[in-house]
Amino acid sequence: MEVLTDSVLRLNFTGGANSSFMNEHRFSKSLTINQLKNKLEMIMGVSISGMKLQVFSAEDQPLFYITDDEGGDRLLGSYQIDDGMRVNVTGPNLMTSLGNLAEVEKYEMKDDIYNKKRDSVRSFLKKNCKGKYDPEFQKKQKELEAQKN
């Protein structure tokens, strides 16, 4: 007797930087756990070093943790996971591990210097008459202002 299954898993992921959202992603069963974690780092915003993956059934019952006991070389398809199951991703958030970004010193440029630059967004918009530099846009903005008053 032979059991054939799809080579791709359709899983729902929760947790990470946006813990209130559920994301559906498709992953090959031939991915190693390390490869899966590498992909999830970018998707979920959780650092690989402390990432934990808990699998829940389609009925949202906790089942097991996906571990990298074998050095992360175990294949995703070797676990008893089916389409529609949920994987909760927990661990150190990449954004908080960077520290408070509000305290990072930012580069600021004076408007007159920025206006002289030829490779800026502002110069592109002016040159191509886009956004607030579009005469039609300016006309519509004035009409809207007149309607408000």
C-alpha atoms as a PDB file:
ATOM      1  CA  MET A   1       0.000   0.000   0.000  1.00  0.00           C
ATOM      2  CA  GLU A   2       1.359   3.409  -0.947  1.00  0.00           C
ATOM      3  CA  VAL A   3       0.253   6.799   0.398  1.00  0.00           C
ATOM      4  CA  LEU A   4       0.752   9.748  -1.907  1.00  0.00           C
ATOM      5  CA  THR A   5       0.400  13.302  -0.642  1.00  0.00           C
ATOM      6  CA  ASP A   6       0.886  16.733  -2.125  1.00  0.00           C
ATOM      7  CA  SER A   7       4.508  17.917  -2.008  1.00  0.00           C
ATOM      8  CA  VAL A   8       3.434  21.358  -0.722  1.00  0.00           C
ATOM      9  CA  LEU A   9       1.858  22.216   2.625  1.00  0.00           C
ATOM     10  CA  ARG A  10      -0.635  25.067   3.006  1.00  0.00           C
ATOM     11  CA  LEU A  11      -0.219  26.285   6.595  1.00  0.00           C
ATOM     12  CA  ASN A  12      -1.579  29.196   8.615  1.00  0.00           C
ATOM     13  CA  PHE A  13       0.994  31.138  10.633  1.00  0.00           C
ATOM     14  CA  THR A  14       0.346  33.299  13.688  1.00  0.00           C
ATOM     15  CA  GLY A  15       2.572  35.052  16.177  1.00  0.00           C
ATOM     16  CA  GLY A  16       5.679  37.029  15.431  1.00  0.00           C
ATOM     17  CA  ALA A  17       5.726  40.797  15.088  1.00  0.00           C
ATOM     18  CA  ASN A  18       2.010  40.908  14.111  1.00  0.00           C
ATOM     19  CA  SER A  19       0.555  38.377  16.503  1.00  0.00           C
ATOM     20  CA  SER A  20      -3.039  39.391  15.787  1.00  0.00           C
ATOM     21  CA  PHE A  21      -2.868  38.319  12.129  1.00  0.00           C
ATOM     22  CA  MET A  22      -2.980  34.894  10.540  1.00  0.00           C
ATOM     23  CA  ASN A  23      -1.033  34.418   7.307  1.00  0.00           C
ATOM     24  CA  GLU A  24      -1.406  31.488   4.948  1.00  0.00           C
ATOM     25  CA  HIS A  25       1.808  30.320   3.298  1.00  0.00           C
ATOM     26  CA  ARG A  26       2.767  27.348   1.166  1.00  0.00           C
ATOM     27  CA  PHE A  27       5.980  25.491   1.831  1.00  0.00           C
ATOM     28  CA  SER A  28       7.513  22.414   0.272  1.00  0.00           C
ATOM     29  CA  LYS A  29       7.603  19.334   2.472  1.00  0.00           C
ATOM     30  CA  SER A  30      11.224  18.898   1.371  1.00  0.00           C
ATOM     31  CA  LEU A  31      12.336  22.023   3.267  1.00  0.00           C
ATOM     32  CA  THR A  32      14.539  21.406   6.269  1.00  0.00           C
ATOM     33  CA  ILE A  33      13.484  23.025   9.542  1.00  0.00           C
ATOM     34  CA  ASN A  34      16.437  25.431   9.270  1.00  0.00           C
ATOM     35  CA  GLN A  35      15.299  26.482   5.775  1.00  0.00           C
ATOM     36  CA  LEU A  36      11.748  26.953   7.039  1.00  0.00           C
ATOM     37  CA  LYS A  37      12.963  29.095   9.938  1.00  0.00           C
ATOM     38  CA  ASN A  38      15.054  31.205   7.549  1.00  0.00           C
ATOM     39  CA  LYS A  39      11.967  31.925   5.475  1.00  0.00           C
ATOM     40  CA  LEU A  40       9.816  32.587   8.539  1.00  0.00           C
ATOM     41  CA  GLU A  41      12.338  35.061   9.946  1.00  0.00           C
ATOM     42  CA  MET A  42      11.534  37.495   7.139  1.00  0.00           C
ATOM     43  CA  ILE A  43       7.815  36.765   7.080  1.00  0.00           C
ATOM     44  CA  MET A  44       7.133  36.780  10.818  1.00  0.00           C
ATOM     45  CA  GLY A  45       9.843  39.113  12.123  1.00  0.00           C
ATOM     46  CA  VAL A  46      11.135  36.616  14.684  1.00  0.00           C
ATOM     47  CA  SER A  47      14.836  35.861  15.132  1.00  0.00           C
ATOM     48  CA  ILE A  48      15.885  32.341  14.116  1.00  0.00           C
ATOM     49  CA  SER A  49      18.053  31.891  17.195  1.00  0.00           C
ATOM     50  CA  GLY A  50      15.134  31.692  19.622  1.00  0.00           C
ATOM     51  CA  MET A  51      12.297  30.780  17.247  1.00  0.00           C
ATOM     52  CA  LYS A  52       9.789  28.209  18.488  1.00  0.00           C
ATOM     53  CA  LEU A  53       7.172  26.634  16.225  1.00  0.00           C
ATOM     54  CA  GLN A  54       4.056  25.148  17.806  1.00  0.00           C
ATOM     55  CA  VAL A  55       1.650  23.209  15.586  1.00  0.00           C
ATOM     56  CA  PHE A  56      -2.117  23.346  16.144  1.00  0.00           C
ATOM     57  CA  SER A  57      -4.754  21.180  14.487  1.00  0.00           C
ATOM     58  CA  ALA A  58      -7.313  22.609  12.057  1.00  0.00           C
ATOM     59  CA  GLU A  59      -9.664  22.660  15.073  1.00  0.00           C
ATOM     60  CA  ASP A  60      -7.045  24.804  16.896  1.00  0.00           C
ATOM     61  CA  GLN A  61      -5.961  22.147  19.394  1.00  0.00           C
ATOM     62  CA  PRO A  62      -2.241  22.242  20.356  1.00  0.00           C
ATOM     63  CA  LEU A  63      -0.441  19.192  18.947  1.00  0.00           C
ATOM     64  CA  PHE A  64       3.368  19.459  19.163  1.00  0.00           C
ATOM     65  CA  TYR A  65       6.423  21.657  18.704  1.00  0.00           C
ATOM     66  CA  ILE A  66       8.558  21.484  15.583  1.00  0.00           C
ATOM     67  CA  THR A  67      12.088  21.094  16.902  1.00  0.00           C
ATOM     68  CA  ASP A  68      15.486  21.251  15.305  1.00  0.00           C
ATOM     69  CA  ASP A  69      16.907  18.507  17.537  1.00  0.00           C
ATOM     70  CA  GLU A  70      18.710  16.977  14.553  1.00  0.00           C
ATOM     71  CA  GLY A  71      20.575  20.200  13.806  1.00  0.00           C
ATOM     72  CA  GLY A  72      17.674  21.554  11.786  1.00  0.00           C
ATOM     73  CA  ASP A  73      18.180  18.995   9.008  1.00  0.00           C
ATOM     74  CA  ARG A  74      14.888  17.170   9.577  1.00  0.00           C
ATOM     75  CA  LEU A  75      12.412  17.712   6.744  1.00  0.00           C
ATOM     76  CA  LEU A  76       9.139  19.559   7.245  1.00  0.00           C
ATOM     77  CA  GLY A  77       7.337  16.647   5.577  1.00  0.00           C
ATOM     78  CA  SER A  78       8.607  14.229   8.234  1.00  0.00           C
ATOM     79  CA  TYR A  79       6.215  15.781  10.766  1.00  0.00           C
ATOM     80  CA  GLN A  80       2.538  14.843  10.869  1.00  0.00           C
ATOM     81  CA  ILE A  81       1.327  18.140   9.445  1.00  0.00           C
ATOM     82  CA  ASP A  82      -1.590  18.597   7.045  1.00  0.00           C
ATOM     83  CA  ASP A  83      -2.980  21.484   5.027  1.00  0.00           C
ATOM     84  CA  GLY A  84      -4.952  24.002   7.072  1.00  0.00           C
ATOM     85  CA  MET A  85      -3.074  23.470  10.321  1.00  0.00           C
ATOM     86  CA  ARG A  86      -1.803  26.480  12.231  1.00  0.00           C
ATOM     87  CA  VAL A  87       1.781  27.099  13.281  1.00  0.00           C
ATOM     88  CA  ASN A  88       2.338  29.661  16.039  1.00  0.00           C
ATOM     89  CA  VAL A  89       5.741  31.337  15.763  1.00  0.00           C
ATOM     90  CA  THR A  90       7.240  32.733  18.968  1.00  0.00           C
ATOM     91  CA  GLY A  91      10.643  34.081  19.903  1.00  0.00           C
ATOM     92  CA  PRO A  92      12.622  37.306  20.026  1.00  0.00           C
ATOM     93  CA  ASN A  93      11.067  39.969  17.820  1.00  0.00           C
ATOM     94  CA  LEU A  94      13.620  41.353  15.329  1.00  0.00           C
ATOM     95  CA  MET A  95      12.369  44.914  15.778  1.00  0.00           C
ATOM     96  CA  THR A  96      12.625  44.903  19.573  1.00  0.00           C
ATOM     97  CA  SER A  97      16.001  43.209  19.437  1.00  0.00           C
ATOM     98  CA  LEU A  98      17.265  46.230  17.515  1.00  0.00           C
ATOM     99  CA  GLY A  99      16.367  48.486  20.424  1.00  0.00           C
ATOM    100  CA  ASN A 100      14.160  51.547  20.491  1.00  0.00           C
ATOM    101  CA  LEU A 101      14.252  52.924  16.951  1.00  0.00           C
ATOM    102  CA  ALA A 102      12.851  56.275  18.140  1.00  0.00           C
ATOM    103  CA  GLU A 103      16.174  56.887  19.881  1.00  0.00           C
ATOM    104  CA  VAL A 104      18.239  56.296  16.732  1.00  0.00           C
ATOM    105  CA  GLU A 105      19.859  59.486  15.459  1.00  0.00           C
ATOM    106  CA  LYS A 106      18.492  60.368  12.043  1.00  0.00           C
ATOM    107  CA  TYR A 107      20.082  62.320   9.239  1.00  0.00           C
ATOM    108  CA  GLU A 108      18.263  65.525   8.407  1.00  0.00           C
ATOM    109  CA  MET A 109      18.879  67.803   5.444  1.00  0.00           C
ATOM    110  CA  LYS A 110      17.818  71.416   5.033  1.00  0.00           C
ATOM    111  CA  ASP A 111      15.199  72.061   2.336  1.00  0.00           C
ATOM    112  CA  ASP A 112      17.394  74.385   0.270  1.00  0.00           C
ATOM    113  CA  ILE A 113      20.134  71.714   0.048  1.00  0.00           C
ATOM    114  CA  TYR A 114      17.604  68.988  -0.751  1.00  0.00           C
ATOM    115  CA  ASN A 115      16.034  71.150  -3.478  1.00  0.00           C
ATOM    116  CA  LYS A 116      19.443  71.381  -5.212  1.00  0.00           C
ATOM    117  CA  LYS A 117      19.834  67.588  -5.401  1.00  0.00           C
ATOM    118  CA  ARG A 118      19.096  66.097  -8.823  1.00  0.00           C
ATOM    119  CA  ASP A 119      18.648  62.471  -7.691  1.00  0.00           C
ATOM    120  CA  SER A 120      15.904  63.000  -5.120  1.00  0.00           C
ATOM    121  CA  VAL A 121      12.249  62.044  -5.075  1.00  0.00           C
ATOM    122  CA  ARG A 122      11.322  65.724  -5.014  1.00  0.00           C
ATOM    123  CA  SER A 123      13.317  66.483  -8.182  1.00  0.00           C
ATOM    124  CA  PHE A 124      11.748  63.460  -9.915  1.00  0.00           C
ATOM    125  CA  LEU A 125       8.239  64.616  -8.983  1.00  0.00           C
ATOM    126  CA  LYS A 126       8.939  68.165 -10.152  1.00  0.00           C
ATOM    127  CA  LYS A 127      10.527  67.035 -13.428  1.00  0.00           C
ATOM    128  CA  ASN A 128       7.652  64.660 -14.218  1.00  0.00           C
ATOM    129  CA  CYS A 129       4.854  66.886 -12.871  1.00  0.00           C
ATOM    130  CA  LYS A 130       3.657  64.260 -10.408  1.00  0.00           C
ATOM    131  CA  GLY A 131       1.811  64.559  -7.109  1.00  0.00           C
ATOM    132  CA  LYS A 132       1.700  68.061  -5.673  1.00  0.00           C
ATOM    133  CA  TYR A 133       3.793  69.305  -8.628  1.00  0.00           C
ATOM    134  CA  ASP A 134       1.074  68.353 -11.119  1.00  0.00           C
ATOM    135  CA  PRO A 135      -0.874  71.471 -12.224  1.00  0.00           C
ATOM    136  CA  GLU A 136      -4.102  69.437 -12.499  1.00  0.00           C
ATOM    137  CA  PHE A 137      -3.610  68.167  -8.954  1.00  0.00           C
ATOM    138  CA  GLN A 138      -3.071  71.736  -7.711  1.00  0.00           C
ATOM    139  CA  LYS A 139      -6.241  72.833  -9.476  1.00  0.00           C
ATOM    140  CA  LYS A 140      -8.279  70.033  -7.869  1.00  0.00           C
ATOM    141  CA  GLN A 141      -6.826  70.842  -4.445  1.00  0.00           C
ATOM    142  CA  LYS A 142      -7.886  74.497  -4.787  1.00  0.00           C
ATOM    143  CA  GLU A 143     -11.388  73.427  -5.844  1.00  0.00           C
ATOM    144  CA  LEU A 144     -11.667  71.166  -2.811  1.00  0.00           C
ATOM    145  CA  GLU A 145     -10.506  73.961  -0.518  1.00  0.00           C
ATOM    146  CA  ALA A 146     -13.067  76.310  -2.065  1.00  0.00           C
ATOM    147  CA  GLN A 147     -15.848  73.758  -1.514  1.00  0.00           C
ATOM    148  CA  LYS A 148     -14.878  73.346   2.142  1.00  0.00           C
ATOM    149  CA  ASN A 149     -15.070  77.102   2.776  1.00  0.00           C
END
